[in-house]
Amino acid sequence: MLVCICKGISDRKLHEEIRKGHRTLAQIRTGCQAGTDCGACVQQIRQILGARAGVSHHETAAE
């Protein structure tokens, strides 16, 4: 599923970035550029990060 339309980043790519150790929105942005253009995907990126880390959305929203 395409998450970041502006940069063409899929959920698979985001999960790959997380496996590489990128655990914050800032690290994801640096790693694959998702969420760096219009920002419409930032909420979904945070949800993916939260689900993968097993933390609540509120903890990832502070980034």
PDB file of N, CA and C in Angstrom:
ATOM      1  N   MET A   1       0.846  -1.175   0.000  1.00  0.00           N
ATOM      2  CA  MET A   1       0.000   0.000   0.000  1.00  0.00           C
ATOM      3  C   MET A   1       0.895   1.243   0.000  1.00  0.00           C
ATOM      4  N   LEU A   2       0.562   2.199  -0.832  1.00  0.00           N
ATOM      5  CA  LEU A   2       1.307   3.449  -0.906  1.00  0.00           C
ATOM      6  C   LEU A   2       0.951   4.317   0.302  1.00  0.00           C
ATOM      7  N   VAL A   3       1.954   4.743   1.027  1.00  0.00           N
ATOM      8  CA  VAL A   3       1.742   5.590   2.204  1.00  0.00           C
ATOM      9  C   VAL A   3       2.058   7.040   1.861  1.00  0.00           C
ATOM     10  N   CYS A   4       3.221   7.278   1.316  1.00  0.00           N
ATOM     11  CA  CYS A   4       3.645   8.631   0.944  1.00  0.00           C
ATOM     12  C   CYS A   4       3.535   8.770  -0.570  1.00  0.00           C
ATOM     13  N   ILE A   5       2.493   9.435  -1.006  1.00  0.00           N
ATOM     14  CA  ILE A   5       2.251   9.597  -2.428  1.00  0.00           C
ATOM     15  C   ILE A   5       3.308  10.498  -3.064  1.00  0.00           C
ATOM     16  N   CYS A   6       3.685  11.554  -2.378  1.00  0.00           N
ATOM     17  CA  CYS A   6       4.652  12.513  -2.929  1.00  0.00           C
ATOM     18  C   CYS A   6       5.985  11.854  -3.272  1.00  0.00           C
ATOM     19  N   LYS A   7       6.443  10.963  -2.424  1.00  0.00           N
ATOM     20  CA  LYS A   7       7.746  10.323  -2.613  1.00  0.00           C
ATOM     21  C   LYS A   7       7.634   8.891  -3.119  1.00  0.00           C
ATOM     22  N   GLY A   8       6.410   8.380  -3.252  1.00  0.00           N
ATOM     23  CA  GLY A   8       6.213   7.023  -3.753  1.00  0.00           C
ATOM     24  C   GLY A   8       6.680   5.945  -2.788  1.00  0.00           C
ATOM     25  N   ILE A   9       6.466   6.156  -1.491  1.00  0.00           N
ATOM     26  CA  ILE A   9       6.934   5.232  -0.458  1.00  0.00           C
ATOM     27  C   ILE A   9       5.783   4.340   0.009  1.00  0.00           C
ATOM     28  N   SER A  10       6.022   3.038  -0.049  1.00  0.00           N
ATOM     29  CA  SER A  10       5.007   2.061   0.359  1.00  0.00           C
ATOM     30  C   SER A  10       5.171   1.682   1.830  1.00  0.00           C
ATOM     31  N   ASP A  11       4.160   0.999   2.343  1.00  0.00           N
ATOM     32  CA  ASP A  11       4.255   0.496   3.712  1.00  0.00           C
ATOM     33  C   ASP A  11       5.386  -0.524   3.824  1.00  0.00           C
ATOM     34  N   ARG A  12       5.635  -1.286   2.771  1.00  0.00           N
ATOM     35  CA  ARG A  12       6.752  -2.241   2.789  1.00  0.00           C
ATOM     36  C   ARG A  12       8.081  -1.532   2.991  1.00  0.00           C
ATOM     37  N   LYS A  13       8.262  -0.405   2.291  1.00  0.00           N
ATOM     38  CA  LYS A  13       9.497   0.367   2.451  1.00  0.00           C
ATOM     39  C   LYS A  13       9.606   0.903   3.875  1.00  0.00           C
ATOM     40  N   LEU A  14       8.503   1.356   4.442  1.00  0.00           N
ATOM     41  CA  LEU A  14       8.537   1.852   5.819  1.00  0.00           C
ATOM     42  C   LEU A  14       8.919   0.738   6.791  1.00  0.00           C
ATOM     43  N   HIS A  15       8.367  -0.449   6.596  1.00  0.00           N
ATOM     44  CA  HIS A  15       8.711  -1.573   7.466  1.00  0.00           C
ATOM     45  C   HIS A  15      10.194  -1.951   7.294  1.00  0.00           C
ATOM     46  N   GLU A  16      10.700  -1.828   6.090  1.00  0.00           N
ATOM     47  CA  GLU A  16      12.124  -2.073   5.840  1.00  0.00           C
ATOM     48  C   GLU A  16      12.978  -1.055   6.602  1.00  0.00           C
ATOM     49  N   GLU A  17      12.575   0.201   6.574  1.00  0.00           N
ATOM     50  CA  GLU A  17      13.302   1.244   7.304  1.00  0.00           C
ATOM     51  C   GLU A  17      13.275   0.967   8.812  1.00  0.00           C
ATOM     52  N   ILE A  18      12.139   0.518   9.316  1.00  0.00           N
ATOM     53  CA  ILE A  18      12.026   0.190  10.736  1.00  0.00           C
ATOM     54  C   ILE A  18      12.954  -0.977  11.080  1.00  0.00           C
ATOM     55  N   ARG A  19      13.015  -1.984  10.221  1.00  0.00           N
ATOM     56  CA  ARG A  19      13.933  -3.113  10.443  1.00  0.00           C
ATOM     57  C   ARG A  19      15.393  -2.669  10.450  1.00  0.00           C
ATOM     58  N   LYS A  20      15.687  -1.602   9.730  1.00  0.00           N
ATOM     59  CA  LYS A  20      17.050  -1.049   9.704  1.00  0.00           C
ATOM     60  C   LYS A  20      17.370  -0.307  10.998  1.00  0.00           C
ATOM     61  N   GLY A  21      16.354  -0.082  11.833  1.00  0.00           N
ATOM     62  CA  GLY A  21      16.578   0.591  13.105  1.00  0.00           C
ATOM     63  C   GLY A  21      15.992   1.983  13.195  1.00  0.00           C
ATOM     64  N   HIS A  22      15.332   2.429  12.157  1.00  0.00           N
ATOM     65  CA  HIS A  22      14.701   3.742  12.184  1.00  0.00           C
ATOM     66  C   HIS A  22      13.403   3.639  12.972  1.00  0.00           C
ATOM     67  N   ARG A  23      13.379   4.262  14.148  1.00  0.00           N
ATOM     68  CA  ARG A  23      12.251   4.110  15.067  1.00  0.00           C
ATOM     69  C   ARG A  23      11.480   5.403  15.322  1.00  0.00           C
ATOM     70  N   THR A  24      11.922   6.503  14.729  1.00  0.00           N
ATOM     71  CA  THR A  24      11.235   7.782  14.928  1.00  0.00           C
ATOM     72  C   THR A  24      10.846   8.369  13.579  1.00  0.00           C
ATOM     73  N   LEU A  25       9.932   9.318  13.601  1.00  0.00           N
ATOM     74  CA  LEU A  25       9.529   9.993  12.380  1.00  0.00           C
ATOM     75  C   LEU A  25      10.727  10.675  11.727  1.00  0.00           C
ATOM     76  N   ALA A  26      11.555  11.308  12.528  1.00  0.00           N
ATOM     77  CA  ALA A  26      12.739  11.988  11.988  1.00  0.00           C
ATOM     78  C   ALA A  26      13.671  10.995  11.286  1.00  0.00           C
ATOM     79  N   GLN A  27      13.861   9.823  11.870  1.00  0.00           N
ATOM     80  CA  GLN A  27      14.721   8.816  11.259  1.00  0.00           C
ATOM     81  C   GLN A  27      14.121   8.285   9.963  1.00  0.00           C
ATOM     82  N   ILE A  28      12.800   8.104   9.939  1.00  0.00           N
ATOM     83  CA  ILE A  28      12.124   7.659   8.720  1.00  0.00           C
ATOM     84  C   ILE A  28      12.286   8.718   7.639  1.00  0.00           C
ATOM     85  N   ARG A  29      12.090   9.971   8.004  1.00  0.00           N
ATOM     86  CA  ARG A  29      12.236  11.060   7.034  1.00  0.00           C
ATOM     87  C   ARG A  29      13.640  11.089   6.443  1.00  0.00           C
ATOM     88  N   THR A  30      14.637  10.903   7.277  1.00  0.00           N
ATOM     89  CA  THR A  30      16.019  10.893   6.805  1.00  0.00           C
ATOM     90  C   THR A  30      16.306   9.650   5.971  1.00  0.00           C
ATOM     91  N   GLY A  31      15.788   8.520   6.394  1.00  0.00           N
ATOM     92  CA  GLY A  31      16.081   7.260   5.737  1.00  0.00           C
ATOM     93  C   GLY A  31      15.488   7.099   4.354  1.00  0.00           C
ATOM     94  N   CYS A  32      14.224   7.518   4.175  1.00  0.00           N
ATOM     95  CA  CYS A  32      13.576   7.277   2.878  1.00  0.00           C
ATOM     96  C   CYS A  32      12.817   8.479   2.352  1.00  0.00           C
ATOM     97  N   GLN A  33      12.843   9.579   3.064  1.00  0.00           N
ATOM     98  CA  GLN A  33      12.205  10.829   2.656  1.00  0.00           C
ATOM     99  C   GLN A  33      10.681  10.844   2.783  1.00  0.00           C
ATOM    100  N   ALA A  34      10.076   9.779   3.290  1.00  0.00           N
ATOM    101  CA  ALA A  34       8.621   9.767   3.497  1.00  0.00           C
ATOM    102  C   ALA A  34       8.244  10.850   4.508  1.00  0.00           C
ATOM    103  N   GLY A  35       7.187  11.571   4.212  1.00  0.00           N
ATOM    104  CA  GLY A  35       6.705  12.595   5.126  1.00  0.00           C
ATOM    105  C   GLY A  35       7.435  13.919   5.047  1.00  0.00           C
ATOM    106  N   THR A  36       8.277  14.087   4.037  1.00  0.00           N
ATOM    107  CA  THR A  36       9.062  15.320   3.948  1.00  0.00           C
ATOM    108  C   THR A  36       8.502  16.338   2.974  1.00  0.00           C
ATOM    109  N   ASP A  37       7.446  15.982   2.261  1.00  0.00           N
ATOM    110  CA  ASP A  37       6.905  16.920   1.272  1.00  0.00           C
ATOM    111  C   ASP A  37       5.631  17.558   1.820  1.00  0.00           C
ATOM    112  N   CYS A  38       4.472  17.067   1.461  1.00  0.00           N
ATOM    113  CA  CYS A  38       3.219  17.714   1.886  1.00  0.00           C
ATOM    114  C   CYS A  38       2.829  17.375   3.322  1.00  0.00           C
ATOM    115  N   GLY A  39       3.282  16.230   3.840  1.00  0.00           N
ATOM    116  CA  GLY A  39       2.994  15.852   5.221  1.00  0.00           C
ATOM    117  C   GLY A  39       1.687  15.112   5.441  1.00  0.00           C
ATOM    118  N   ALA A  40       0.941  14.861   4.386  1.00  0.00           N
ATOM    119  CA  ALA A  40      -0.349  14.180   4.534  1.00  0.00           C
ATOM    120  C   ALA A  40      -0.200  12.764   5.082  1.00  0.00           C
ATOM    121  N   CYS A  41       0.950  12.162   4.912  1.00  0.00           N
ATOM    122  CA  CYS A  41       1.171  10.782   5.342  1.00  0.00           C
ATOM    123  C   CYS A  41       1.746  10.658   6.752  1.00  0.00           C
ATOM    124  N   VAL A  42       2.084  11.767   7.370  1.00  0.00           N
ATOM    125  CA  VAL A  42       2.763  11.728   8.670  1.00  0.00           C
ATOM    126  C   VAL A  42       1.957  10.959   9.712  1.00  0.00           C
ATOM    127  N   GLN A  43       0.665  11.173   9.763  1.00  0.00           N
ATOM    128  CA  GLN A  43      -0.182  10.461  10.740  1.00  0.00           C
ATOM    129  C   GLN A  43      -0.090   8.950  10.525  1.00  0.00           C
ATOM    130  N   GLN A  44      -0.151   8.523   9.276  1.00  0.00           N
ATOM    131  CA  GLN A  44      -0.083   7.093   8.980  1.00  0.00           C
ATOM    132  C   GLN A  44       1.303   6.527   9.306  1.00  0.00           C
ATOM    133  N   ILE A  45       2.345   7.292   9.046  1.00  0.00           N
ATOM    134  CA  ILE A  45       3.709   6.851   9.404  1.00  0.00           C
ATOM    135  C   ILE A  45       3.800   6.667  10.909  1.00  0.00           C
ATOM    136  N   ARG A  46       3.262   7.603  11.659  1.00  0.00           N
ATOM    137  CA  ARG A  46       3.282   7.504  13.122  1.00  0.00           C
ATOM    138  C   ARG A  46       2.520   6.266  13.604  1.00  0.00           C
ATOM    139  N   GLN A  47       1.411   5.967  12.953  1.00  0.00           N
ATOM    140  CA  GLN A  47       0.642   4.784  13.327  1.00  0.00           C
ATOM    141  C   GLN A  47       1.444   3.514  13.058  1.00  0.00           C
ATOM    142  N   ILE A  48       2.119   3.464  11.940  1.00  0.00           N
ATOM    143  CA  ILE A  48       2.953   2.297  11.614  1.00  0.00           C
ATOM    144  C   ILE A  48       4.088   2.165  12.618  1.00  0.00           C
ATOM    145  N   LEU A  49       4.725   3.278  12.941  1.00  0.00           N
ATOM    146  CA  LEU A  49       5.799   3.247  13.937  1.00  0.00           C
ATOM    147  C   LEU A  49       5.271   2.762  15.287  1.00  0.00           C
ATOM    148  N   GLY A  50       4.120   3.268  15.702  1.00  0.00           N
ATOM    149  CA  GLY A  50       3.532   2.881  16.979  1.00  0.00           C
ATOM    150  C   GLY A  50       3.165   1.416  17.014  1.00  0.00           C
ATOM    151  N   ALA A  51       2.596   0.922  15.924  1.00  0.00           N
ATOM    152  CA  ALA A  51       2.214  -0.489  15.859  1.00  0.00           C
ATOM    153  C   ALA A  51       3.442  -1.388  15.896  1.00  0.00           C
ATOM    154  N   ARG A  52       4.481  -0.994  15.196  1.00  0.00           N
ATOM    155  CA  ARG A  52       5.702  -1.807  15.156  1.00  0.00           C
ATOM    156  C   ARG A  52       6.438  -1.784  16.492  1.00  0.00           C
ATOM    157  N   ALA A  53       6.363  -0.672  17.174  1.00  0.00           N
ATOM    158  CA  ALA A  53       7.071  -0.545  18.449  1.00  0.00           C
ATOM    159  C   ALA A  53       6.237  -1.037  19.625  1.00  0.00           C
ATOM    160  N   GLY A  54       4.938  -1.231  19.390  1.00  0.00           N
ATOM    161  CA  GLY A  54       4.070  -1.673  20.475  1.00  0.00           C
ATOM    162  C   GLY A  54       3.797  -0.577  21.484  1.00  0.00           C
ATOM    163  N   VAL A  55       3.846   0.679  21.020  1.00  0.00           N
ATOM    164  CA  VAL A  55       3.575   1.811  21.898  1.00  0.00           C
ATOM    165  C   VAL A  55       2.333   2.519  21.414  1.00  0.00           C
ATOM    166  N   SER A  56       1.793   3.372  22.248  1.00  0.00           N
ATOM    167  CA  SER A  56       0.602   4.114  21.870  1.00  0.00           C
ATOM    168  C   SER A  56       0.951   5.215  20.883  1.00  0.00           C
ATOM    169  N   HIS A  57      -0.046   5.669  20.150  1.00  0.00           N
ATOM    170  CA  HIS A  57       0.127   6.761  19.187  1.00  0.00           C
ATOM    171  C   HIS A  57       0.651   8.004  19.867  1.00  0.00           C
ATOM    172  N   HIS A  58       0.257   8.278  21.104  1.00  0.00           N
ATOM    173  CA  HIS A  58       0.658   9.495  21.800  1.00  0.00           C
ATOM    174  C   HIS A  58       2.162   9.551  22.019  1.00  0.00           C
ATOM    175  N   GLU A  59       2.788   8.411  22.222  1.00  0.00           N
ATOM    176  CA  GLU A  59       4.231   8.394  22.422  1.00  0.00           C
ATOM    177  C   GLU A  59       4.982   8.696  21.135  1.00  0.00           C
ATOM    178  N   THR A  60       4.487   8.268  19.987  1.00  0.00           N
ATOM    179  CA  THR A  60       5.166   8.547  18.724  1.00  0.00           C
ATOM    180  C   THR A  60       4.810   9.928  18.203  1.00  0.00           C
ATOM    181  N   ALA A  61       3.708  10.515  18.665  1.00  0.00           N
ATOM    182  CA  ALA A  61       3.279  11.824  18.175  1.00  0.00           C
ATOM    183  C   ALA A  61       4.194  12.943  18.649  1.00  0.00           C
ATOM    184  N   ALA A  62       4.984  12.723  19.685  1.00  0.00           N
ATOM    185  CA  ALA A  62       5.843  13.756  20.220  1.00  0.00           C
ATOM    186  C   ALA A  62       7.073  14.030  19.366  1.00  0.00           C
ATOM    187  N   GLU A  63       7.295  13.243  18.354  1.00  0.00           N
ATOM    188  CA  GLU A  63       8.488  13.412  17.525  1.00  0.00           C
ATOM    189  C   GLU A  63       8.358  14.560  16.574  1.00  0.00           C
TER     190      GLU A  63
END
